[in-house]
């Protein structure tokens, strides 16, 4: 991968992301949940009603939320 000089000079960090393979990964994750080795509820940092969605987005933009659930009631 070639990187432009200004990215290095400005100290910019590039973080990659791998999306996974749902057909392979989901069964593995479900097995880990069944065995009690993985708790998916730890990923949820907030629950909001639909009318509170602006607050949820605000917290996300401020870096105070990782994953929030929007619950339509």
PDB file of N, CA and C in Angstrom:
ATOM      1  N   UNK A   1       0.841  -1.158   0.000  1.00  0.00           N
ATOM      2  CA  UNK A   1       0.000   0.000   0.000  1.00  0.00           C
ATOM      3  C   UNK A   1       0.889   1.224   0.000  1.00  0.00           C
ATOM      4  N   UNK A   2       0.657   2.129  -0.896  1.00  0.00           N
ATOM      5  CA  UNK A   2       1.413   3.372  -0.900  1.00  0.00           C
ATOM      6  C   UNK A   2       0.659   4.413  -0.076  1.00  0.00           C
ATOM      7  N   UNK A   3       1.415   5.210   0.655  1.00  0.00           N
ATOM      8  CA  UNK A   3       0.828   6.224   1.527  1.00  0.00           C
ATOM      9  C   UNK A   3       1.416   7.572   1.159  1.00  0.00           C
ATOM     10  N   UNK A   4       0.552   8.559   1.007  1.00  0.00           N
ATOM     11  CA  UNK A   4       1.026   9.900   0.671  1.00  0.00           C
ATOM     12  C   UNK A   4       1.812  10.478   1.837  1.00  0.00           C
ATOM     13  N   UNK A   5       2.811  11.272   1.529  1.00  0.00           N
ATOM     14  CA  UNK A   5       3.713  11.835   2.537  1.00  0.00           C
ATOM     15  C   UNK A   5       2.979  12.669   3.576  1.00  0.00           C
ATOM     16  N   UNK A   6       1.950  13.420   3.172  1.00  0.00           N
ATOM     17  CA  UNK A   6       1.264  14.274   4.144  1.00  0.00           C
ATOM     18  C   UNK A   6       0.521  13.458   5.200  1.00  0.00           C
ATOM     19  N   UNK A   7       0.118  12.239   4.878  1.00  0.00           N
ATOM     20  CA  UNK A   7      -0.525  11.384   5.872  1.00  0.00           C
ATOM     21  C   UNK A   7       0.482  11.007   6.947  1.00  0.00           C
ATOM     22  N   UNK A   8       1.688  10.650   6.545  1.00  0.00           N
ATOM     23  CA  UNK A   8       2.740  10.314   7.506  1.00  0.00           C
ATOM     24  C   UNK A   8       3.171  11.554   8.275  1.00  0.00           C
ATOM     25  N   UNK A   9       3.385  12.640   7.585  1.00  0.00           N
ATOM     26  CA  UNK A   9       3.855  13.877   8.203  1.00  0.00           C
ATOM     27  C   UNK A   9       2.863  14.407   9.238  1.00  0.00           C
ATOM     28  N   UNK A  10       1.570  14.287   8.960  1.00  0.00           N
ATOM     29  CA  UNK A  10       0.551  14.797   9.874  1.00  0.00           C
ATOM     30  C   UNK A  10       0.180  13.804  10.973  1.00  0.00           C
ATOM     31  N   UNK A  11       0.815  12.641  10.983  1.00  0.00           N
ATOM     32  CA  UNK A  11       0.560  11.664  12.035  1.00  0.00           C
ATOM     33  C   UNK A  11      -0.829  11.052  11.974  1.00  0.00           C
ATOM     34  N   UNK A  12      -1.394  10.952  10.779  1.00  0.00           N
ATOM     35  CA  UNK A  12      -2.734  10.392  10.617  1.00  0.00           C
ATOM     36  C   UNK A  12      -2.660   8.872  10.721  1.00  0.00           C
ATOM     37  N   UNK A  13      -3.580   8.295  11.474  1.00  0.00           N
ATOM     38  CA  UNK A  13      -3.654   6.851  11.634  1.00  0.00           C
ATOM     39  C   UNK A  13      -4.739   6.295  10.725  1.00  0.00           C
ATOM     40  N   UNK A  14      -4.413   5.255   9.990  1.00  0.00           N
ATOM     41  CA  UNK A  14      -5.375   4.591   9.121  1.00  0.00           C
ATOM     42  C   UNK A  14      -5.695   3.238   9.741  1.00  0.00           C
ATOM     43  N   UNK A  15      -6.986   3.007   9.990  1.00  0.00           N
ATOM     44  CA  UNK A  15      -7.413   1.751  10.596  1.00  0.00           C
ATOM     45  C   UNK A  15      -8.306   1.026   9.599  1.00  0.00           C
ATOM     46  N   UNK A  16      -7.954  -0.200   9.286  1.00  0.00           N
ATOM     47  CA  UNK A  16      -8.753  -0.986   8.358  1.00  0.00           C
ATOM     48  C   UNK A  16      -9.864  -1.732   9.081  1.00  0.00           C
ATOM     49  N   UNK A  17     -10.790  -2.255   8.300  1.00  0.00           N
ATOM     50  CA  UNK A  17     -11.911  -2.993   8.855  1.00  0.00           C
ATOM     51  C   UNK A  17     -12.206  -4.162   7.938  1.00  0.00           C
ATOM     52  N   UNK A  18     -12.455  -5.295   8.532  1.00  0.00           N
ATOM     53  CA  UNK A  18     -12.798  -6.493   7.776  1.00  0.00           C
ATOM     54  C   UNK A  18     -14.234  -6.862   8.108  1.00  0.00           C
ATOM     55  N   UNK A  19     -15.071  -6.941   7.117  1.00  0.00           N
ATOM     56  CA  UNK A  19     -16.493  -7.161   7.333  1.00  0.00           C
ATOM     57  C   UNK A  19     -16.880  -8.570   7.746  1.00  0.00           C
ATOM     58  N   UNK A  20     -16.045  -9.527   7.506  1.00  0.00           N
ATOM     59  CA  UNK A  20     -16.368 -10.890   7.895  1.00  0.00           C
ATOM     60  C   UNK A  20     -17.114 -11.650   6.811  1.00  0.00           C
ATOM     61  N   UNK A  21     -17.422 -12.894   7.144  1.00  0.00           N
ATOM     62  CA  UNK A  21     -18.163 -13.775   6.238  1.00  0.00           C
ATOM     63  C   UNK A  21     -19.380 -14.290   7.007  1.00  0.00           C
ATOM     64  N   UNK A  22     -20.517 -13.652   6.860  1.00  0.00           N
ATOM     65  CA  UNK A  22     -21.693 -13.997   7.666  1.00  0.00           C
ATOM     66  C   UNK A  22     -22.066 -15.479   7.656  1.00  0.00           C
ATOM     67  N   UNK A  23     -21.966 -16.139   6.514  1.00  0.00           N
ATOM     68  CA  UNK A  23     -22.342 -17.565   6.455  1.00  0.00           C
ATOM     69  C   UNK A  23     -21.430 -18.438   7.305  1.00  0.00           C
ATOM     70  N   UNK A  24     -20.205 -18.013   7.487  1.00  0.00           N
ATOM     71  CA  UNK A  24     -19.250 -18.772   8.296  1.00  0.00           C
ATOM     72  C   UNK A  24     -19.206 -18.234   9.723  1.00  0.00           C
ATOM     73  N   UNK A  25     -19.147 -16.915   9.849  1.00  0.00           N
ATOM     74  CA  UNK A  25     -18.943 -16.296  11.159  1.00  0.00           C
ATOM     75  C   UNK A  25     -20.157 -16.366  12.075  1.00  0.00           C
ATOM     76  N   UNK A  26     -21.369 -16.196  11.537  1.00  0.00           N
ATOM     77  CA  UNK A  26     -22.558 -16.193  12.393  1.00  0.00           C
ATOM     78  C   UNK A  26     -22.765 -17.523  13.115  1.00  0.00           C
ATOM     79  N   UNK A  27     -22.659 -18.671  12.443  1.00  0.00           N
ATOM     80  CA  UNK A  27     -22.792 -19.932  13.187  1.00  0.00           C
ATOM     81  C   UNK A  27     -21.730 -20.079  14.280  1.00  0.00           C
ATOM     82  N   UNK A  28     -20.523 -19.623  14.011  1.00  0.00           N
ATOM     83  CA  UNK A  28     -19.464 -19.691  15.030  1.00  0.00           C
ATOM     84  C   UNK A  28     -19.801 -18.804  16.223  1.00  0.00           C
ATOM     85  N   UNK A  29     -20.269 -17.591  15.945  1.00  0.00           N
ATOM     86  CA  UNK A  29     -20.645 -16.682  17.030  1.00  0.00           C
ATOM     87  C   UNK A  29     -21.803 -17.239  17.844  1.00  0.00           C
ATOM     88  N   UNK A  30     -22.793 -17.804  17.179  1.00  0.00           N
ATOM     89  CA  UNK A  30     -23.927 -18.391  17.889  1.00  0.00           C
ATOM     90  C   UNK A  30     -23.489 -19.554  18.770  1.00  0.00           C
ATOM     91  N   UNK A  31     -22.549 -20.356  18.292  1.00  0.00           N
ATOM     92  CA  UNK A  31     -22.007 -21.440  19.118  1.00  0.00           C
ATOM     93  C   UNK A  31     -21.319 -20.886  20.360  1.00  0.00           C
ATOM     94  N   UNK A  32     -20.550 -19.817  20.207  1.00  0.00           N
ATOM     95  CA  UNK A  32     -19.881 -19.206  21.357  1.00  0.00           C
ATOM     96  C   UNK A  32     -20.891 -18.661  22.362  1.00  0.00           C
ATOM     97  N   UNK A  33     -21.986 -18.088  21.865  1.00  0.00           N
ATOM     98  CA  UNK A  33     -23.041 -17.592  22.759  1.00  0.00           C
ATOM     99  C   UNK A  33     -23.660 -18.763  23.517  1.00  0.00           C
ATOM    100  N   UNK A  34     -23.985 -19.844  22.811  1.00  0.00           N
ATOM    101  CA  UNK A  34     -24.587 -21.022  23.446  1.00  0.00           C
ATOM    102  C   UNK A  34     -23.681 -21.619  24.513  1.00  0.00           C
ATOM    103  N   UNK A  35     -22.372 -21.584  24.282  1.00  0.00           N
ATOM    104  CA  UNK A  35     -21.408 -22.136  25.240  1.00  0.00           C
ATOM    105  C   UNK A  35     -21.106 -21.180  26.387  1.00  0.00           C
ATOM    106  N   UNK A  36     -21.660 -19.978  26.331  1.00  0.00           N
ATOM    107  CA  UNK A  36     -21.416 -18.991  27.383  1.00  0.00           C
ATOM    108  C   UNK A  36     -20.052 -18.333  27.296  1.00  0.00           C
ATOM    109  N   UNK A  37     -19.404 -18.426  26.142  1.00  0.00           N
ATOM    110  CA  UNK A  37     -18.072 -17.842  25.967  1.00  0.00           C
ATOM    111  C   UNK A  37     -18.110 -16.438  25.375  1.00  0.00           C
ATOM    112  N   UNK A  38     -19.297 -15.999  24.973  1.00  0.00           N
ATOM    113  CA  UNK A  38     -19.435 -14.679  24.364  1.00  0.00           C
ATOM    114  C   UNK A  38     -20.778 -14.093  24.768  1.00  0.00           C
ATOM    115  N   UNK A  39     -20.757 -12.855  25.256  1.00  0.00           N
ATOM    116  CA  UNK A  39     -21.978 -12.171  25.674  1.00  0.00           C
ATOM    117  C   UNK A  39     -22.224 -10.983  24.752  1.00  0.00           C
ATOM    118  N   UNK A  40     -23.120 -11.119  23.770  1.00  0.00           N
ATOM    119  CA  UNK A  40     -23.337 -10.035  22.813  1.00  0.00           C
ATOM    120  C   UNK A  40     -23.976  -8.792  23.428  1.00  0.00           C
ATOM    121  N   UNK A  41     -24.567  -8.911  24.607  1.00  0.00           N
ATOM    122  CA  UNK A  41     -25.198  -7.741  25.228  1.00  0.00           C
ATOM    123  C   UNK A  41     -24.169  -6.698  25.641  1.00  0.00           C
ATOM    124  N   UNK A  42     -22.914  -7.085  25.776  1.00  0.00           N
ATOM    125  CA  UNK A  42     -21.871  -6.119  26.150  1.00  0.00           C
ATOM    126  C   UNK A  42     -21.588  -5.111  25.038  1.00  0.00           C
ATOM    127  N   UNK A  43     -22.026  -5.417  23.820  1.00  0.00           N
ATOM    128  CA  UNK A  43     -21.833  -4.485  22.708  1.00  0.00           C
ATOM    129  C   UNK A  43     -22.807  -3.322  22.756  1.00  0.00           C
ATOM    130  N   UNK A  44     -23.930  -3.503  23.425  1.00  0.00           N
ATOM    131  CA  UNK A  44     -24.969  -2.472  23.476  1.00  0.00           C
ATOM    132  C   UNK A  44     -24.643  -1.486  24.589  1.00  0.00           C
ATOM    133  N   UNK A  45     -24.465  -0.227  24.211  1.00  0.00           N
ATOM    134  CA  UNK A  45     -24.118   0.799  25.200  1.00  0.00           C
ATOM    135  C   UNK A  45     -25.290   1.696  25.546  1.00  0.00           C
ATOM    136  N   UNK A  46     -26.404   1.528  24.850  1.00  0.00           N
ATOM    137  CA  UNK A  46     -27.573   2.348  25.158  1.00  0.00           C
ATOM    138  C   UNK A  46     -28.814   1.846  24.463  1.00  0.00           C
ATOM    139  N   UNK A  47     -29.962   2.139  25.073  1.00  0.00           N
ATOM    140  CA  UNK A  47     -31.263   1.814  24.477  1.00  0.00           C
ATOM    141  C   UNK A  47     -32.086   3.093  24.453  1.00  0.00           C
ATOM    142  N   UNK A  48     -32.656   3.379  23.299  1.00  0.00           N
ATOM    143  CA  UNK A  48     -33.399   4.620  23.119  1.00  0.00           C
ATOM    144  C   UNK A  48     -34.733   4.348  22.450  1.00  0.00           C
ATOM    145  N   UNK A  49     -35.742   5.117  22.842  1.00  0.00           N
ATOM    146  CA  UNK A  49     -37.015   5.097  22.138  1.00  0.00           C
ATOM    147  C   UNK A  49     -36.813   5.828  20.812  1.00  0.00           C
ATOM    148  N   UNK A  50     -37.699   5.562  19.865  1.00  0.00           N
ATOM    149  CA  UNK A  50     -37.575   6.182  18.550  1.00  0.00           C
ATOM    150  C   UNK A  50     -37.552   7.705  18.646  1.00  0.00           C
ATOM    151  N   UNK A  51     -38.352   8.263  19.552  1.00  0.00           N
ATOM    152  CA  UNK A  51     -38.368   9.725  19.673  1.00  0.00           C
ATOM    153  C   UNK A  51     -37.095  10.283  20.324  1.00  0.00           C
ATOM    154  N   UNK A  52     -36.223   9.415  20.832  1.00  0.00           N
ATOM    155  CA  UNK A  52     -34.946   9.839  21.423  1.00  0.00           C
ATOM    156  C   UNK A  52     -33.771   9.626  20.475  1.00  0.00           C
ATOM    157  N   UNK A  53     -34.049   9.368  19.212  1.00  0.00           N
ATOM    158  CA  UNK A  53     -32.997   9.017  18.259  1.00  0.00           C
ATOM    159  C   UNK A  53     -31.947  10.119  18.113  1.00  0.00           C
ATOM    160  N   UNK A  54     -32.353  11.383  18.219  1.00  0.00           N
ATOM    161  CA  UNK A  54     -31.375  12.472  18.107  1.00  0.00           C
ATOM    162  C   UNK A  54     -30.351  12.414  19.231  1.00  0.00           C
ATOM    163  N   UNK A  55     -30.780  12.061  20.426  1.00  0.00           N
ATOM    164  CA  UNK A  55     -29.854  11.907  21.556  1.00  0.00           C
ATOM    165  C   UNK A  55     -28.887  10.751  21.297  1.00  0.00           C
ATOM    166  N   UNK A  56     -29.389   9.657  20.738  1.00  0.00           N
ATOM    167  CA  UNK A  56     -28.541   8.508  20.422  1.00  0.00           C
ATOM    168  C   UNK A  56     -27.467   8.883  19.404  1.00  0.00           C
ATOM    169  N   UNK A  57     -27.854   9.612  18.371  1.00  0.00           N
ATOM    170  CA  UNK A  57     -26.897  10.043  17.341  1.00  0.00           C
ATOM    171  C   UNK A  57     -25.881  11.010  17.937  1.00  0.00           C
ATOM    172  N   UNK A  58     -26.329  11.894  18.804  1.00  0.00           N
ATOM    173  CA  UNK A  58     -25.422  12.848  19.453  1.00  0.00           C
ATOM    174  C   UNK A  58     -24.349  12.113  20.258  1.00  0.00           C
ATOM    175  N   UNK A  59     -24.749  11.116  21.045  1.00  0.00           N
ATOM    176  CA  UNK A  59     -23.784  10.350  21.838  1.00  0.00           C
ATOM    177  C   UNK A  59     -22.817   9.583  20.945  1.00  0.00           C
ATOM    178  N   UNK A  60     -23.312   9.057  19.843  1.00  0.00           N
ATOM    179  CA  UNK A  60     -22.451   8.356  18.891  1.00  0.00           C
ATOM    180  C   UNK A  60     -21.413   9.301  18.311  1.00  0.00           C
ATOM    181  N   UNK A  61     -21.852  10.483  17.891  1.00  0.00           N
ATOM    182  CA  UNK A  61     -20.934  11.470  17.316  1.00  0.00           C
ATOM    183  C   UNK A  61     -19.915  11.980  18.323  1.00  0.00           C
ATOM    184  N   UNK A  62     -20.277  11.992  19.604  1.00  0.00           N
ATOM    185  CA  UNK A  62     -19.361  12.441  20.658  1.00  0.00           C
ATOM    186  C   UNK A  62     -18.424  11.325  21.111  1.00  0.00           C
ATOM    187  N   UNK A  63     -18.598  10.127  20.570  1.00  0.00           N
ATOM    188  CA  UNK A  63     -17.759   9.000  20.959  1.00  0.00           C
ATOM    189  C   UNK A  63     -18.145   8.393  22.288  1.00  0.00           C
ATOM    190  N   UNK A  64     -19.338   8.686  22.780  1.00  0.00           N
ATOM    191  CA  UNK A  64     -19.778   8.174  24.076  1.00  0.00           C
ATOM    192  C   UNK A  64     -20.636   6.921  23.943  1.00  0.00           C
ATOM    193  N   UNK A  65     -20.909   6.488  22.728  1.00  0.00           N
ATOM    194  CA  UNK A  65     -21.710   5.287  22.495  1.00  0.00           C
ATOM    195  C   UNK A  65     -21.018   4.442  21.439  1.00  0.00           C
ATOM    196  N   UNK A  66     -21.091   3.147  21.611  1.00  0.00           N
ATOM    197  CA  UNK A  66     -20.527   2.230  20.620  1.00  0.00           C
ATOM    198  C   UNK A  66     -21.647   1.686  19.742  1.00  0.00           C
ATOM    199  N   UNK A  67     -22.651   1.113  20.384  1.00  0.00           N
ATOM    200  CA  UNK A  67     -23.795   0.586  19.653  1.00  0.00           C
ATOM    201  C   UNK A  67     -25.032   0.808  20.496  1.00  0.00           C
ATOM    202  N   UNK A  68     -25.997   1.495  19.928  1.00  0.00           N
ATOM    203  CA  UNK A  68     -27.246   1.775  20.629  1.00  0.00           C
ATOM    204  C   UNK A  68     -28.405   1.097  19.914  1.00  0.00           C
ATOM    205  N   UNK A  69     -29.368   0.663  20.696  1.00  0.00           N
ATOM    206  CA  UNK A  69     -30.583   0.090  20.144  1.00  0.00           C
ATOM    207  C   UNK A  69     -31.655   1.163  20.089  1.00  0.00           C
ATOM    208  N   UNK A  70     -32.327   1.261  18.969  1.00  0.00           N
ATOM    209  CA  UNK A  70     -33.469   2.154  18.835  1.00  0.00           C
ATOM    210  C   UNK A  70     -34.705   1.258  18.891  1.00  0.00           C
ATOM    211  N   UNK A  71     -35.537   1.497  19.899  1.00  0.00           N
ATOM    212  CA  UNK A  71     -36.690   0.639  20.131  1.00  0.00           C
ATOM    213  C   UNK A  71     -37.961   1.393  19.755  1.00  0.00           C
ATOM    214  N   UNK A  72     -38.587   1.016  18.640  1.00  0.00           N
ATOM    215  CA  UNK A  72     -39.841   1.680  18.265  1.00  0.00           C
ATOM    216  C   UNK A  72     -40.964   1.196  19.178  1.00  0.00           C
ATOM    217  N   UNK A  73     -41.626   2.137  19.817  1.00  0.00           N
ATOM    218  CA  UNK A  73     -42.721   1.760  20.732  1.00  0.00           C
ATOM    219  C   UNK A  73     -44.005   2.380  20.278  1.00  0.00           C
TER     220      UNK A  73
END
